[in-house]
Amino acid sequence: MPGLLQTFPSYRALLAQRAELEAKIAAARDEEVAHALEQIRNIVDEYDLHDEVQFTRGGRRAKPGPGAPRAPVAAKYRDPDSGATWSGRGKPPAWIAGKDRQQFLVD
């Protein structure tokens, strides 16, 4: 069906159009965000909200991905025999694995 393929743009032409459109989208977003921030700054100035509203640079914060380090937490369980503790995160230690955890709770 050579005639059918000739009626549609080529794959590469469509990719080029997509890249051009994505660039236009990014430019339009940047312009609108700049305008919105200008409006916000004007409102902050008009109502003297400098203590209530603070601007920071750097954009959005990225969410930590899977496997990212987590903040340490206090011990939740304690082995009465050895005094070893466990936070409840990760693989349970041998002294608590498969047992009722209520009896090991830290007060």
N, C-alpha and C. Protein backbone atom coordinates (compact mmCIF):
# COMPACT_ATOMS: atom_id res chain seq x y z
N MET A 1 0.81 -1.19 0.00
CA MET A 1 0.00 0.00 0.00
C MET A 1 0.86 1.26 0.00
N PRO A 2 1.61 1.47 -1.02
CA PRO A 2 2.46 2.66 -1.06
C PRO A 2 1.66 3.96 -1.04
N GLY A 3 0.48 3.99 -1.59
CA GLY A 3 -0.31 5.21 -1.62
C GLY A 3 -0.75 5.64 -0.23
N LEU A 4 -1.03 4.68 0.64
CA LEU A 4 -1.48 4.99 2.00
C LEU A 4 -0.38 5.67 2.79
N LEU A 5 0.84 5.19 2.67
CA LEU A 5 1.95 5.77 3.41
C LEU A 5 2.26 7.19 2.96
N GLN A 6 1.99 7.48 1.72
CA GLN A 6 2.30 8.81 1.21
C GLN A 6 1.32 9.86 1.72
N THR A 7 0.16 9.47 2.19
CA THR A 7 -0.82 10.44 2.66
C THR A 7 -0.55 10.91 4.08
N PHE A 8 0.29 10.21 4.83
CA PHE A 8 0.61 10.57 6.21
C PHE A 8 2.05 11.06 6.29
N PRO A 9 2.32 11.99 7.22
CA PRO A 9 3.71 12.42 7.39
C PRO A 9 4.57 11.25 7.86
N SER A 10 5.84 11.32 7.56
CA SER A 10 6.75 10.25 7.97
C SER A 10 6.95 10.28 9.48
N TYR A 11 7.43 9.19 9.98
CA TYR A 11 7.72 9.06 11.41
C TYR A 11 8.68 10.15 11.86
N ARG A 12 9.74 10.35 11.11
CA ARG A 12 10.73 11.37 11.47
C ARG A 12 10.15 12.77 11.41
N ALA A 13 9.28 13.00 10.45
CA ALA A 13 8.65 14.32 10.35
C ALA A 13 7.75 14.55 11.57
N LEU A 14 7.05 13.52 11.99
CA LEU A 14 6.20 13.65 13.18
C LEU A 14 7.04 13.88 14.44
N LEU A 15 8.17 13.19 14.55
CA LEU A 15 9.06 13.41 15.69
C LEU A 15 9.57 14.84 15.71
N ALA A 16 9.90 15.37 14.56
CA ALA A 16 10.36 16.75 14.47
C ALA A 16 9.26 17.72 14.88
N GLN A 17 8.03 17.43 14.45
CA GLN A 17 6.89 18.27 14.84
C GLN A 17 6.68 18.21 16.34
N ARG A 18 6.82 17.00 16.91
CA ARG A 18 6.64 16.85 18.35
C ARG A 18 7.70 17.65 19.10
N ALA A 19 8.95 17.57 18.67
CA ALA A 19 10.03 18.31 19.33
C ALA A 19 9.76 19.81 19.26
N GLU A 20 9.30 20.28 18.10
CA GLU A 20 8.99 21.70 17.94
C GLU A 20 7.84 22.10 18.86
N LEU A 21 6.81 21.26 18.93
CA LEU A 21 5.66 21.54 19.78
C LEU A 21 6.06 21.53 21.26
N GLU A 22 6.89 20.58 21.67
CA GLU A 22 7.34 20.54 23.06
C GLU A 22 8.14 21.79 23.42
N ALA A 23 8.94 22.29 22.49
CA ALA A 23 9.69 23.52 22.73
C ALA A 23 8.74 24.70 22.88
N LYS A 24 7.71 24.75 22.05
CA LYS A 24 6.72 25.82 22.14
C LYS A 24 5.95 25.74 23.47
N ILE A 25 5.61 24.52 23.88
CA ILE A 25 4.91 24.32 25.15
C ILE A 25 5.77 24.82 26.30
N ALA A 26 7.06 24.44 26.32
CA ALA A 26 7.96 24.86 27.38
C ALA A 26 8.10 26.37 27.42
N ALA A 27 8.22 27.00 26.25
CA ALA A 27 8.35 28.46 26.19
C ALA A 27 7.09 29.14 26.69
N ALA A 28 5.92 28.62 26.29
CA ALA A 28 4.65 29.21 26.74
C ALA A 28 4.50 29.06 28.24
N ARG A 29 4.88 27.90 28.78
CA ARG A 29 4.79 27.68 30.22
C ARG A 29 5.71 28.64 30.97
N ASP A 30 6.95 28.77 30.49
CA ASP A 30 7.90 29.68 31.13
C ASP A 30 7.37 31.10 31.16
N GLU A 31 6.78 31.52 30.05
CA GLU A 31 6.23 32.88 29.97
C GLU A 31 5.05 33.05 30.94
N GLU A 32 4.16 32.08 30.98
CA GLU A 32 3.00 32.18 31.86
C GLU A 32 3.40 32.10 33.33
N VAL A 33 4.38 31.25 33.65
CA VAL A 33 4.85 31.17 35.03
C VAL A 33 5.48 32.49 35.45
N ALA A 34 6.28 33.08 34.58
CA ALA A 34 6.90 34.37 34.89
C ALA A 34 5.83 35.43 35.15
N HIS A 35 4.78 35.42 34.33
CA HIS A 35 3.68 36.38 34.51
C HIS A 35 2.96 36.12 35.84
N ALA A 36 2.71 34.86 36.15
CA ALA A 36 2.04 34.52 37.41
C ALA A 36 2.88 34.95 38.62
N LEU A 37 4.19 34.70 38.55
CA LEU A 37 5.06 35.11 39.66
C LEU A 37 5.08 36.62 39.81
N GLU A 38 5.05 37.33 38.70
CA GLU A 38 5.01 38.79 38.77
C GLU A 38 3.72 39.26 39.46
N GLN A 39 2.60 38.63 39.12
CA GLN A 39 1.33 38.98 39.77
C GLN A 39 1.39 38.68 41.27
N ILE A 40 1.96 37.54 41.61
CA ILE A 40 2.05 37.16 43.02
C ILE A 40 2.92 38.17 43.78
N ARG A 41 4.07 38.53 43.19
CA ARG A 41 4.95 39.51 43.85
C ARG A 41 4.24 40.86 44.02
N ASN A 42 3.46 41.26 43.03
CA ASN A 42 2.71 42.51 43.14
C ASN A 42 1.70 42.46 44.28
N ILE A 43 1.02 41.33 44.41
CA ILE A 43 0.03 41.18 45.50
C ILE A 43 0.75 41.18 46.85
N VAL A 44 1.88 40.49 46.93
CA VAL A 44 2.65 40.46 48.18
C VAL A 44 3.07 41.88 48.56
N ASP A 45 3.55 42.65 47.58
CA ASP A 45 3.95 44.03 47.85
C ASP A 45 2.75 44.89 48.25
N GLU A 46 1.64 44.73 47.52
CA GLU A 46 0.46 45.57 47.77
C GLU A 46 -0.10 45.36 49.17
N TYR A 47 -0.10 44.13 49.64
CA TYR A 47 -0.68 43.83 50.95
C TYR A 47 0.38 43.62 52.03
N ASP A 48 1.63 43.92 51.71
CA ASP A 48 2.75 43.78 52.64
C ASP A 48 2.74 42.40 53.31
N LEU A 49 2.80 41.38 52.48
CA LEU A 49 2.76 40.00 52.96
C LEU A 49 4.15 39.36 52.99
N HIS A 50 5.18 40.17 53.12
CA HIS A 50 6.55 39.66 53.04
C HIS A 50 6.88 38.67 54.15
N ASP A 51 6.25 38.83 55.32
CA ASP A 51 6.49 37.87 56.42
C ASP A 51 5.73 36.57 56.19
N GLU A 52 4.60 36.64 55.52
CA GLU A 52 3.78 35.46 55.31
C GLU A 52 4.19 34.65 54.08
N VAL A 53 4.72 35.33 53.06
CA VAL A 53 5.07 34.66 51.81
C VAL A 53 6.56 34.85 51.56
N GLN A 54 7.24 33.74 51.33
CA GLN A 54 8.67 33.81 51.04
C GLN A 54 8.93 33.13 49.71
N PHE A 55 9.79 33.72 48.93
CA PHE A 55 10.16 33.16 47.63
C PHE A 55 11.51 32.48 47.75
N THR A 56 11.64 31.35 47.11
CA THR A 56 12.92 30.65 47.09
C THR A 56 13.29 30.34 45.65
N ARG A 57 14.54 30.12 45.43
CA ARG A 57 15.00 29.74 44.09
C ARG A 57 15.20 28.23 44.07
N GLY A 58 15.26 27.67 42.89
CA GLY A 58 15.57 26.26 42.77
C GLY A 58 14.43 25.41 42.26
N GLY A 59 13.26 25.97 42.16
CA GLY A 59 12.15 25.20 41.61
C GLY A 59 11.63 24.14 42.56
N ARG A 60 11.03 23.14 41.97
CA ARG A 60 10.41 22.07 42.74
C ARG A 60 11.46 21.15 43.34
N ARG A 61 11.16 20.61 44.48
CA ARG A 61 12.03 19.63 45.09
C ARG A 61 11.68 18.26 44.54
N ALA A 62 12.69 17.51 44.23
CA ALA A 62 12.47 16.17 43.72
C ALA A 62 12.13 15.23 44.86
N LYS A 63 11.19 14.36 44.63
CA LYS A 63 10.87 13.35 45.63
C LYS A 63 11.95 12.29 45.63
N PRO A 64 12.32 11.82 46.81
CA PRO A 64 13.33 10.77 46.82
C PRO A 64 12.79 9.50 46.18
N GLY A 65 13.61 8.86 45.42
CA GLY A 65 13.19 7.65 44.73
C GLY A 65 13.32 6.43 45.62
N PRO A 66 12.93 5.28 45.10
CA PRO A 66 13.07 4.06 45.87
C PRO A 66 14.54 3.78 46.15
N GLY A 67 14.82 3.35 47.35
CA GLY A 67 16.19 3.04 47.72
C GLY A 67 16.95 4.25 48.21
N ALA A 68 16.32 5.43 48.23
CA ALA A 68 16.99 6.62 48.73
C ALA A 68 17.16 6.51 50.25
N PRO A 69 18.23 7.06 50.79
CA PRO A 69 18.43 6.98 52.23
C PRO A 69 17.30 7.66 52.99
N ARG A 70 16.92 7.07 54.08
CA ARG A 70 15.86 7.63 54.91
C ARG A 70 16.45 8.10 56.21
N ALA A 71 15.78 9.03 56.83
CA ALA A 71 16.26 9.58 58.10
C ALA A 71 16.20 8.50 59.18
N PRO A 72 17.18 8.51 60.09
CA PRO A 72 17.14 7.52 61.17
C PRO A 72 15.95 7.77 62.09
N VAL A 73 15.45 6.70 62.67
CA VAL A 73 14.32 6.81 63.60
C VAL A 73 14.69 6.14 64.92
N ALA A 74 13.95 6.49 65.94
CA ALA A 74 14.21 5.92 67.26
C ALA A 74 13.87 4.44 67.28
N ALA A 75 14.52 3.73 68.19
CA ALA A 75 14.26 2.29 68.34
C ALA A 75 12.83 2.06 68.80
N LYS A 76 12.20 1.09 68.21
CA LYS A 76 10.82 0.76 68.55
C LYS A 76 10.76 -0.55 69.34
N TYR A 77 11.75 -1.41 69.10
CA TYR A 77 11.79 -2.72 69.76
C TYR A 77 13.16 -2.93 70.41
N ARG A 78 13.18 -3.65 71.57
CA ARG A 78 14.42 -3.95 72.26
C ARG A 78 14.41 -5.41 72.69
N ASP A 79 15.55 -6.07 72.48
CA ASP A 79 15.73 -7.45 72.93
C ASP A 79 16.11 -7.41 74.40
N PRO A 80 15.28 -7.98 75.28
CA PRO A 80 15.57 -7.90 76.72
C PRO A 80 16.85 -8.67 77.10
N ASP A 81 17.24 -9.67 76.35
CA ASP A 81 18.43 -10.45 76.69
C ASP A 81 19.71 -9.72 76.32
N SER A 82 19.81 -9.23 75.09
CA SER A 82 21.06 -8.63 74.63
C SER A 82 21.04 -7.11 74.69
N GLY A 83 19.87 -6.51 74.77
CA GLY A 83 19.75 -5.05 74.76
C GLY A 83 19.76 -4.48 73.35
N ALA A 84 19.86 -5.34 72.33
CA ALA A 84 19.86 -4.88 70.94
C ALA A 84 18.51 -4.24 70.62
N THR A 85 18.54 -3.24 69.75
CA THR A 85 17.31 -2.55 69.38
C THR A 85 17.08 -2.65 67.88
N TRP A 86 15.83 -2.38 67.50
CA TRP A 86 15.44 -2.37 66.09
C TRP A 86 14.36 -1.31 65.92
N SER A 87 14.45 -0.55 64.83
CA SER A 87 13.50 0.54 64.58
C SER A 87 12.18 0.07 64.01
N GLY A 88 12.15 -1.14 63.47
CA GLY A 88 10.96 -1.62 62.79
C GLY A 88 11.06 -1.48 61.29
N ARG A 89 12.16 -0.88 60.83
CA ARG A 89 12.39 -0.73 59.39
C ARG A 89 13.32 -1.84 58.91
N GLY A 90 13.11 -2.25 57.69
CA GLY A 90 13.99 -3.24 57.10
C GLY A 90 13.71 -4.64 57.60
N LYS A 91 14.64 -5.53 57.31
CA LYS A 91 14.50 -6.93 57.69
C LYS A 91 14.60 -7.07 59.20
N PRO A 92 13.67 -7.80 59.83
CA PRO A 92 13.73 -7.95 61.29
C PRO A 92 14.94 -8.78 61.71
N PRO A 93 15.58 -8.40 62.82
CA PRO A 93 16.70 -9.20 63.31
C PRO A 93 16.22 -10.57 63.81
N ALA A 94 17.14 -11.50 63.95
CA ALA A 94 16.80 -12.88 64.33
C ALA A 94 16.08 -12.94 65.67
N TRP A 95 16.42 -12.07 66.61
CA TRP A 95 15.83 -12.16 67.94
C TRP A 95 14.35 -11.78 67.97
N ILE A 96 13.82 -11.17 66.90
CA ILE A 96 12.40 -10.79 66.87
C ILE A 96 11.65 -11.45 65.72
N ALA A 97 12.37 -11.98 64.75
CA ALA A 97 11.75 -12.55 63.56
C ALA A 97 10.81 -13.70 63.93
N GLY A 98 9.58 -13.62 63.45
CA GLY A 98 8.61 -14.67 63.66
C GLY A 98 7.98 -14.69 65.04
N LYS A 99 8.29 -13.71 65.88
CA LYS A 99 7.75 -13.66 67.25
C LYS A 99 6.75 -12.53 67.37
N ASP A 100 5.97 -12.56 68.45
CA ASP A 100 5.02 -11.49 68.73
C ASP A 100 5.80 -10.25 69.12
N ARG A 101 5.70 -9.20 68.36
CA ARG A 101 6.51 -8.00 68.58
C ARG A 101 6.05 -7.17 69.77
N GLN A 102 4.85 -7.40 70.23
CA GLN A 102 4.32 -6.63 71.37
C GLN A 102 5.22 -6.75 72.59
N GLN A 103 5.77 -7.93 72.80
CA GLN A 103 6.58 -8.14 74.01
C GLN A 103 7.94 -7.44 73.94
N PHE A 104 8.33 -6.97 72.75
CA PHE A 104 9.62 -6.32 72.57
C PHE A 104 9.51 -4.80 72.45
N LEU A 105 8.30 -4.25 72.53
CA LEU A 105 8.10 -2.81 72.36
C LEU A 105 8.86 -2.03 73.42
N VAL A 106 9.50 -0.93 73.01
CA VAL A 106 10.18 -0.04 73.94
C VAL A 106 9.13 0.85 74.59
N ASP A 107 9.26 1.05 75.87
CA ASP A 107 8.28 1.88 76.61
C ASP A 107 8.45 3.33 76.31
